[in-house]
Protein backbone atom coordinates (compact mmCIF):
# COMPACT_ATOMS: atom_id res chain seq x y z
CA UNK A 1 -31.71 114.81 -116.43
CA UNK A 2 -34.33 112.45 -114.99
CA UNK A 3 -33.90 108.94 -113.60
CA UNK A 4 -35.94 105.83 -114.39
CA UNK A 5 -37.63 104.50 -111.26
CA UNK A 6 -37.34 100.93 -112.55
CA UNK A 7 -33.74 100.59 -113.78
CA UNK A 8 -32.15 103.84 -112.52
CA UNK A 9 -30.95 104.88 -115.97
CA UNK A 10 -30.44 108.58 -116.67
CA UNK A 11 -33.09 109.91 -119.07
CA UNK A 12 -33.69 113.19 -120.88
CA UNK A 13 -36.19 115.38 -119.03
CA UNK A 14 -38.56 115.23 -122.02
CA UNK A 15 -38.54 111.41 -122.18
CA UNK A 16 -41.85 109.74 -121.43
CA UNK A 17 -40.53 106.18 -121.68
CA UNK A 18 -37.27 104.75 -120.41
CA UNK A 19 -35.04 103.89 -123.37
CA UNK A 20 -33.62 100.85 -121.53
CA UNK A 21 -36.55 99.07 -119.83
CA UNK A 22 -39.57 100.77 -121.42
CA UNK A 23 -41.11 102.00 -118.16
CA UNK A 24 -43.71 104.74 -118.63
CA UNK A 25 -42.69 107.70 -116.47
CA UNK A 26 -46.32 108.85 -116.32
CA UNK A 27 -47.08 105.75 -114.30
CA UNK A 28 -48.68 102.63 -115.78
CA UNK A 29 -47.00 100.15 -113.51
CA UNK A 30 -44.04 97.92 -114.15
CA UNK A 31 -45.46 96.13 -117.20
CA UNK A 32 -47.17 99.06 -118.96
CA UNK A 33 -50.52 97.29 -119.33
CA UNK A 34 -52.14 100.39 -120.85
CA UNK A 35 -49.53 100.76 -123.59
CA UNK A 36 -48.69 97.89 -125.95
CA UNK A 37 -44.93 97.73 -126.53
CA UNK A 38 -45.37 96.95 -130.22
CA UNK A 39 -47.92 99.73 -130.81
CA UNK A 40 -48.10 102.07 -127.78
CA UNK A 41 -51.22 103.75 -129.14
CA UNK A 42 -53.12 100.54 -128.27
CA UNK A 43 -53.72 98.85 -124.95
CA UNK A 44 -52.29 95.40 -124.37
CA UNK A 45 -55.76 93.83 -124.28
CA UNK A 46 -57.15 95.49 -127.41
CA UNK A 47 -58.30 93.24 -130.26
CA UNK A 48 -56.16 94.38 -133.16
CA UNK A 49 -55.43 91.28 -135.22
CA UNK A 50 -52.60 92.76 -137.29
CA UNK A 51 -50.49 94.15 -134.44
CA UNK A 52 -51.05 90.86 -132.58
CA UNK A 53 -50.05 88.29 -135.18
CA UNK A 54 -47.87 90.49 -137.42
CA UNK A 55 -46.05 92.70 -134.92
CA UNK A 56 -43.37 93.94 -137.31
CA UNK A 57 -45.98 95.38 -139.67
CA UNK A 58 -46.23 98.24 -137.17
CA UNK A 59 -43.43 100.22 -138.78
CA UNK A 60 -44.24 99.46 -142.42
CA UNK A 61 -47.81 99.37 -143.71
CA UNK A 62 -50.27 98.40 -140.94
CA UNK A 63 -53.25 99.93 -142.74
CA UNK A 64 -52.47 97.88 -145.85
CA UNK A 65 -52.53 94.69 -143.80
CA UNK A 66 -55.78 95.66 -142.12
CA UNK A 67 -57.41 96.32 -145.49
CA UNK A 68 -56.05 93.05 -146.89
CA UNK A 69 -57.34 91.11 -143.88
CA UNK A 70 -60.81 92.61 -144.29
CA UNK A 71 -60.68 91.71 -147.98
CA UNK A 72 -59.73 88.07 -147.40
CA UNK A 73 -62.58 87.80 -144.89
CA UNK A 74 -65.22 89.53 -146.99
CA UNK A 75 -64.46 88.02 -150.41
CA UNK A 76 -65.04 84.33 -149.45
CA UNK A 77 -68.31 85.35 -147.79
CA UNK A 78 -69.46 87.16 -150.92
CA UNK A 79 -68.49 84.16 -153.07
CA UNK A 80 -70.47 81.85 -150.77
CA UNK A 81 -73.56 84.04 -151.00
CA UNK A 82 -73.19 83.95 -154.79
CA UNK A 83 -73.11 80.14 -154.78
CA UNK A 84 -69.36 79.65 -155.39
CA UNK A 85 -68.90 77.51 -152.30
CA UNK A 86 -65.87 75.53 -153.48
CA UNK A 87 -64.02 78.64 -154.58
CA UNK A 88 -64.89 80.37 -151.30
CA UNK A 89 -63.52 77.44 -149.27
CA UNK A 90 -60.29 77.41 -151.24
CA UNK A 91 -59.85 81.17 -150.98
CA UNK A 92 -60.59 81.23 -147.25
CA UNK A 93 -58.18 78.35 -146.62
CA UNK A 94 -55.23 79.89 -148.48
CA UNK A 95 -55.84 83.48 -147.38
CA UNK A 96 -53.93 83.38 -144.08
CA UNK A 97 -50.87 81.52 -145.46
CA UNK A 98 -50.73 83.91 -148.43
CA UNK A 99 -51.08 86.92 -146.15
CA UNK A 100 -48.11 85.68 -144.12
CA UNK A 101 -46.02 85.13 -147.24
CA UNK A 102 -46.69 88.75 -148.18
CA UNK A 103 -45.79 89.78 -144.63
CA UNK A 104 -42.50 87.86 -144.68
CA UNK A 105 -41.57 89.47 -147.97
CA UNK A 106 -42.60 92.95 -146.85
CA UNK A 107 -40.75 93.07 -143.53
CA UNK A 108 -37.69 91.50 -145.20
CA UNK A 109 -36.44 90.35 -141.81
CA UNK A 110 -35.01 87.05 -143.01
CA UNK A 111 -33.59 88.24 -146.34
CA UNK A 112 -30.46 86.08 -146.00
CA UNK A 113 -32.37 82.79 -145.92
CA UNK A 114 -35.81 83.31 -147.49
CA UNK A 115 -36.01 79.75 -148.81
CA UNK A 116 -35.42 78.22 -145.38
CA UNK A 117 -38.00 80.53 -143.83
CA UNK A 118 -40.60 79.60 -146.44
CA UNK A 119 -39.95 75.87 -146.21
CA UNK A 120 -39.97 75.70 -142.41
CA UNK A 121 -43.06 77.85 -141.86
CA UNK A 122 -45.20 76.92 -144.84
CA UNK A 123 -44.12 73.86 -146.76
CA UNK A 124 -43.56 71.70 -143.67
CA UNK A 125 -46.97 72.74 -142.32
CA UNK A 126 -48.66 71.98 -145.65
CA UNK A 127 -47.13 68.51 -145.91
CA UNK A 128 -47.72 67.51 -142.30
CA UNK A 129 -51.21 69.04 -142.35
CA UNK A 130 -52.29 67.06 -145.40
CA UNK A 131 -50.83 63.76 -144.22
CA UNK A 132 -52.16 64.10 -140.69
CA UNK A 133 -55.63 65.09 -141.87
CA UNK A 134 -55.87 62.08 -144.17
CA UNK A 135 -54.90 59.81 -141.25
CA UNK A 136 -57.40 61.18 -138.75
CA UNK A 137 -60.19 61.33 -141.36
CA UNK A 138 -59.66 57.62 -142.06
CA UNK A 139 -59.77 56.96 -138.32
CA UNK A 140 -62.92 59.03 -137.93
CA UNK A 141 -64.70 57.22 -140.77
CA UNK A 142 -63.95 53.89 -139.10
CA UNK A 143 -65.23 55.20 -135.75
CA UNK A 144 -68.41 56.58 -137.36
CA UNK A 145 -69.13 53.21 -138.96
CA UNK A 146 -68.67 51.47 -135.62
CA UNK A 147 -71.05 53.95 -133.99
CA UNK A 148 -73.61 53.46 -136.76
CA UNK A 149 -73.49 49.72 -136.22
CA UNK A 150 -74.39 50.16 -132.55
CA UNK A 151 -77.05 52.75 -133.39
CA UNK A 152 -75.84 55.35 -130.88
CA UNK A 153 -73.36 58.16 -130.57
CA UNK A 154 -70.69 57.06 -128.12
CA UNK A 155 -69.38 59.91 -125.97
CA UNK A 156 -65.93 58.32 -126.15
CA UNK A 157 -66.01 58.89 -129.89
CA UNK A 158 -65.57 62.59 -129.22
CA UNK A 159 -62.49 61.85 -127.11
CA UNK A 160 -61.07 59.50 -129.75
CA UNK A 161 -61.50 62.17 -132.42
CA UNK A 162 -60.73 65.50 -130.73
CA UNK A 163 -57.82 64.49 -128.50
CA UNK A 164 -55.61 62.92 -131.23
CA UNK A 165 -56.36 65.87 -133.52
CA UNK A 166 -55.40 68.35 -130.80
CA UNK A 167 -52.19 66.50 -129.98
CA UNK A 168 -51.22 66.05 -133.62
CA UNK A 169 -51.93 69.64 -134.60
CA UNK A 170 -50.04 71.21 -131.67
CA UNK A 171 -47.02 68.93 -132.02
CA UNK A 172 -46.72 68.81 -135.82
CA UNK A 173 -47.34 72.53 -136.35
CA UNK A 174 -44.32 73.26 -134.14
CA UNK A 175 -41.88 71.17 -136.19
CA UNK A 176 -40.84 73.83 -138.71
CA UNK A 177 -40.76 76.82 -136.31
CA UNK A 178 -38.77 74.83 -133.71
CA UNK A 179 -36.17 73.94 -136.33
CA UNK A 180 -35.83 77.64 -137.14
CA UNK A 181 -35.83 78.88 -133.54
CA UNK A 182 -32.93 76.55 -132.70
CA UNK A 183 -30.68 78.49 -135.09
CA UNK A 184 -28.74 81.63 -134.16
CA UNK A 185 -30.22 83.66 -137.05
CA UNK A 186 -33.77 83.06 -135.78
CA UNK A 187 -33.27 83.26 -132.02
CA UNK A 188 -35.48 86.30 -131.41
CA UNK A 189 -38.75 85.75 -129.55
CA UNK A 190 -40.71 87.84 -132.06
CA UNK A 191 -39.31 85.70 -134.88
CA UNK A 192 -40.21 82.45 -133.11
CA UNK A 193 -43.72 83.62 -132.23
CA UNK A 194 -44.34 84.88 -135.77
CA UNK A 195 -43.14 81.61 -137.29
CA UNK A 196 -45.34 79.70 -134.85
CA UNK A 197 -48.47 81.69 -135.70
CA UNK A 198 -47.82 81.38 -139.43
CA UNK A 199 -47.17 77.64 -139.16
CA UNK A 200 -50.23 77.00 -136.99
CA UNK A 201 -52.50 79.05 -139.24
CA UNK A 202 -51.19 77.25 -142.33
CA UNK A 203 -51.60 73.83 -140.68
CA UNK A 204 -55.21 74.60 -139.70
CA UNK A 205 -56.03 76.04 -143.13
CA UNK A 206 -54.63 72.99 -144.92
CA UNK A 207 -56.55 70.72 -142.55
CA UNK A 208 -59.80 72.56 -143.34
CA UNK A 209 -59.14 72.38 -147.07
CA UNK A 210 -58.41 68.66 -146.82
CA UNK A 211 -61.68 68.06 -144.97
CA UNK A 212 -63.67 69.75 -147.74
CA UNK A 213 -61.51 68.43 -150.57
CA UNK A 214 -64.21 66.06 -151.83
CA UNK A 215 -66.41 69.09 -152.47
CA UNK A 216 -63.62 71.13 -154.05
CA UNK A 217 -62.38 68.30 -156.26
CA UNK A 218 -65.78 67.77 -157.93
CA UNK A 219 -65.12 70.78 -160.14
CA UNK A 220 -68.61 72.19 -159.55
CA UNK A 221 -67.48 75.66 -158.57
CA UNK A 222 -70.96 77.13 -158.57
CA UNK A 223 -73.95 75.39 -157.04
CA UNK A 224 -77.64 76.17 -157.12
CA UNK A 225 -79.87 76.15 -154.05
CA UNK A 226 -76.92 76.51 -151.68
CA UNK A 227 -77.57 76.63 -147.94
CA UNK A 228 -75.77 79.95 -147.68
CA UNK A 229 -76.17 80.19 -143.92
CA UNK A 230 -74.46 76.85 -143.31
CA UNK A 231 -71.65 77.33 -145.81
CA UNK A 232 -70.95 80.90 -144.77
CA UNK A 233 -70.44 79.55 -141.26
CA UNK A 234 -68.07 76.87 -142.56
CA UNK A 235 -66.07 79.40 -144.56
CA UNK A 236 -65.73 81.83 -141.65
CA UNK A 237 -64.93 79.21 -139.01
CA UNK A 238 -62.80 76.75 -140.98
CA UNK A 239 -61.01 79.24 -143.19
CA UNK A 240 -60.52 82.23 -140.88
CA UNK A 241 -61.31 81.74 -137.18
CA UNK A 242 -59.84 78.27 -136.75
CA UNK A 243 -56.47 79.26 -138.31
CA UNK A 244 -56.37 82.19 -135.89
CA UNK A 245 -57.09 79.85 -132.97
CA UNK A 246 -54.48 77.25 -133.92
CA UNK A 247 -51.95 79.87 -135.02
CA UNK A 248 -52.25 81.73 -131.71
CA UNK A 249 -51.78 78.53 -129.70
CA UNK A 250 -48.66 77.55 -131.66
CA UNK A 251 -47.30 81.09 -131.44
CA UNK A 252 -47.59 81.03 -127.64
CA UNK A 253 -45.82 77.65 -127.58
CA UNK A 254 -42.95 79.00 -129.69
CA UNK A 255 -42.64 82.05 -127.44
CA UNK A 256 -42.10 79.67 -124.53
CA UNK A 257 -39.57 77.73 -126.62
CA UNK A 258 -37.59 80.84 -127.54
CA UNK A 259 -37.65 82.40 -124.07
CA UNK A 260 -37.16 86.09 -123.30
CA UNK A 261 -33.37 86.18 -123.48
CA UNK A 262 -30.96 85.88 -126.36
CA UNK A 263 -29.68 82.64 -127.82
CA UNK A 264 -31.33 79.78 -129.75
CA UNK A 265 -34.59 78.34 -128.45
CA UNK A 266 -34.55 75.21 -126.36
CA UNK A 267 -36.90 72.64 -124.92
CA UNK A 268 -37.67 73.49 -121.31
CA UNK A 269 -40.25 72.72 -118.63
CA UNK A 270 -42.00 75.98 -119.50
CA UNK A 271 -42.29 74.96 -123.16
CA UNK A 272 -43.59 71.54 -122.13
CA UNK A 273 -46.23 73.07 -119.85
CA UNK A 274 -47.26 75.53 -122.55
CA UNK A 275 -47.54 72.76 -125.14
CA UNK A 276 -49.70 70.65 -122.82
CA UNK A 277 -51.90 73.67 -122.12
CA UNK A 278 -52.20 74.28 -125.89
CA UNK A 279 -53.27 70.66 -126.45
CA UNK A 280 -55.91 70.96 -123.74
CA UNK A 281 -57.11 74.29 -125.12
CA UNK A 282 -57.39 73.00 -128.68
CA UNK A 283 -59.13 69.84 -127.47
CA UNK A 284 -61.75 71.90 -125.60
CA UNK A 285 -62.24 74.10 -128.67
CA UNK A 286 -62.74 71.12 -130.99
CA UNK A 287 -64.90 69.25 -128.49
CA UNK A 288 -67.30 72.16 -128.01
CA UNK A 289 -67.49 72.62 -131.78
CA UNK A 290 -68.41 68.96 -132.15
CA UNK A 291 -71.02 69.15 -129.39
CA UNK A 292 -72.57 72.21 -131.05
CA UNK A 293 -72.79 70.28 -134.32
CA UNK A 294 -74.39 67.29 -132.59
CA UNK A 295 -77.02 68.95 -130.41
CA UNK A 296 -78.05 72.00 -132.47
CA UNK A 297 -79.11 72.76 -136.00
CA UNK A 298 -80.16 75.62 -138.25
CA UNK A 299 -79.66 79.18 -137.09
CA UNK A 300 -78.85 78.07 -133.54
CA UNK A 301 -75.96 75.95 -134.76
CA UNK A 302 -74.66 78.72 -137.01
CA UNK A 303 -74.73 81.43 -134.36
CA UNK A 304 -73.31 79.15 -131.66
CA UNK A 305 -70.47 77.92 -133.86
CA UNK A 306 -69.39 81.37 -135.01
CA UNK A 307 -69.71 82.91 -131.54
CA UNK A 308 -67.72 80.12 -129.89
CA UNK A 309 -64.89 80.33 -132.43
CA UNK A 310 -64.87 84.13 -132.31
CA UNK A 311 -64.70 84.19 -128.49
CA UNK A 312 -61.84 81.66 -128.42
CA UNK A 313 -59.94 83.48 -131.18
CA UNK A 314 -60.36 86.83 -129.39
CA UNK A 315 -59.15 85.38 -126.10
CA UNK A 316 -56.09 83.76 -127.68
CA UNK A 317 -55.19 86.89 -129.65
CA UNK A 318 -55.22 88.78 -126.36
CA UNK A 319 -52.97 86.11 -124.86
CA UNK A 320 -50.58 86.49 -127.79
CA UNK A 321 -50.40 90.24 -127.25
CA UNK A 322 -49.85 89.87 -123.51
CA UNK A 323 -47.16 87.21 -124.05
CA UNK A 324 -45.29 89.33 -126.59
CA UNK A 325 -45.63 92.55 -124.60
CA UNK A 326 -44.51 90.96 -121.32
CA UNK A 327 -41.56 89.27 -123.01
CA UNK A 328 -40.37 92.55 -124.56
CA UNK A 329 -40.61 94.39 -121.23
CA UNK A 330 -39.02 91.61 -119.17
CA UNK A 331 -36.17 91.03 -121.63
CA UNK A 332 -35.35 94.74 -121.67
CA UNK A 333 -35.56 95.00 -117.87
CA UNK A 334 -33.29 91.98 -117.47
CA UNK A 335 -30.78 93.40 -119.96
CA UNK A 336 -30.81 96.77 -118.20
CA UNK A 337 -30.18 95.10 -114.86
CA UNK A 338 -27.14 93.33 -116.31
CA UNK A 339 -26.00 96.50 -118.11
CA UNK A 340 -26.26 94.60 -121.40
CA UNK A 341 -27.32 95.95 -124.79
CA UNK A 342 -29.55 93.35 -126.53
CA UNK A 343 -29.08 92.45 -130.17
CA UNK A 344 -32.30 94.19 -131.24
CA UNK A 345 -31.37 97.53 -129.66
CA UNK A 346 -30.62 100.67 -131.64
CA UNK A 347 -26.92 101.21 -132.33
CA UNK A 348 -25.54 104.69 -132.92
CA UNK A 349 -27.76 107.38 -134.41
CA UNK A 350 -31.22 106.18 -135.33
CA UNK A 351 -34.84 107.19 -135.65
CA UNK A 352 -37.97 105.43 -134.40
CA UNK A 353 -39.74 103.83 -137.40
CA UNK A 354 -43.11 104.50 -135.74
CA UNK A 355 -42.88 108.19 -134.77
CA UNK A 356 -39.59 109.23 -136.45
CA UNK A 357 -38.19 110.72 -133.25
CA UNK A 358 -34.47 110.23 -132.50
CA UNK A 359 -33.42 107.06 -130.68
CA UNK A 360 -30.69 107.04 -128.06
CA UNK A 361 -27.65 104.86 -128.56
CA UNK A 362 -28.38 101.42 -127.10
CA UNK A 363 -32.12 102.15 -126.85
CA UNK A 364 -34.56 99.27 -126.47
CA UNK A 365 -37.53 101.66 -126.64
CA UNK A 366 -38.34 105.02 -128.16
CA UNK A 367 -38.36 107.62 -125.39
CA UNK A 368 -41.15 109.53 -127.16
CA UNK A 369 -43.74 106.90 -128.16
CA UNK A 370 -42.50 103.82 -126.28
CA UNK A 371 -42.26 101.49 -129.29
CA UNK A 372 -39.89 98.57 -128.73
CA UNK A 373 -36.96 98.59 -131.15
CA UNK A 374 -37.21 94.80 -131.39
CA UNK A 375 -40.63 95.30 -133.02
CA UNK A 376 -39.00 97.12 -135.94
CA UNK A 377 -37.79 95.10 -138.90
CA UNK A 378 -34.11 94.63 -139.64
CA UNK A 379 -34.41 96.72 -142.79
CA UNK A 380 -36.27 99.50 -140.93
CA UNK A 381 -33.57 99.67 -138.26
CA UNK A 382 -30.88 99.78 -140.94
CA UNK A 383 -32.66 102.45 -142.97
CA UNK A 384 -33.27 104.66 -139.94
CA UNK A 385 -29.64 104.41 -138.88
CA UNK A 386 -28.42 105.14 -142.42
CA UNK A 387 -30.66 108.18 -142.60
CA UNK A 388 -29.37 109.39 -139.27
CA UNK A 389 -25.73 109.11 -140.37
CA UNK A 390 -26.43 110.85 -143.67
CA UNK A 391 -27.99 113.83 -141.92
């Protein structure tokens, strides 16, 4: 038998990872920065969208989600190039919410209350997104008229527009996920973060669709002489990159709300600080986007807008991965120190849904591949255990 250097648990000699705290015996440091707890074959800082925003797809059909994500990105672009701008905007705006609905159904984690999950993560975000967008658009129109009357672009106009939008989006997009995370059935950090990302992405997508609604509502699905460069940029940024940005920010906020331990989420100084940081981050993102639109045009504007949104989205996706990974490691380490078996641990005989190797009783991690058991779906854990008992 071997002993874990981190938590002093006895381990099989062949174990690479500690089943209790997830420490890599080959030496990657306390937090395993070279091995992502959700998908150990990836580093924590790799840019894999699916394993970042849909962590429980790891044990089901990750390749299917990757293909679907590529499809929902490529199809709106193709439609834009063909002149179907309105249809492309609609498809890009609904793609992320629909992808999450498919994800929720596939992982089947919240099978006991699917209606509540759908309402809190999607319907609340749709309603608040539409109402809020109508309010700030009315405010912006009034501000634009005032600026036109003076004949200049007031720098404070940017503050009056971007700051209220950032505050409203960050606060309102958390309403549904917070209501869920305060309940015992949804007290897991992965659940809270997933609900937050889905809610934020839906809120941003609905906001984008509301902004372009006048174009969509005309009924002219196909247009001649379309500025394909401009509209392709709008489709990519408003329909895909912006939902990733807002969704990541809200997901990080909900992770702070849920905390690393067990029990319902709660408002705390950490959640407040994270929310304020999210507001500041979203404000900077929107402000730079607005400045790009004001001081550039043509190809320069297109490239700058896409690059800025892509860089911000990539950075926030990395933050999401690091937040989730660190929380999984710290929660397991804390539980091991208290000699406690967390709710998401394997019970009895089970098999890792990622590599199919046997799991030890009370395992938080697979000793072979290092996958966190909390990253497996409820149905996957049940099926693996049932298979183990049958054999």
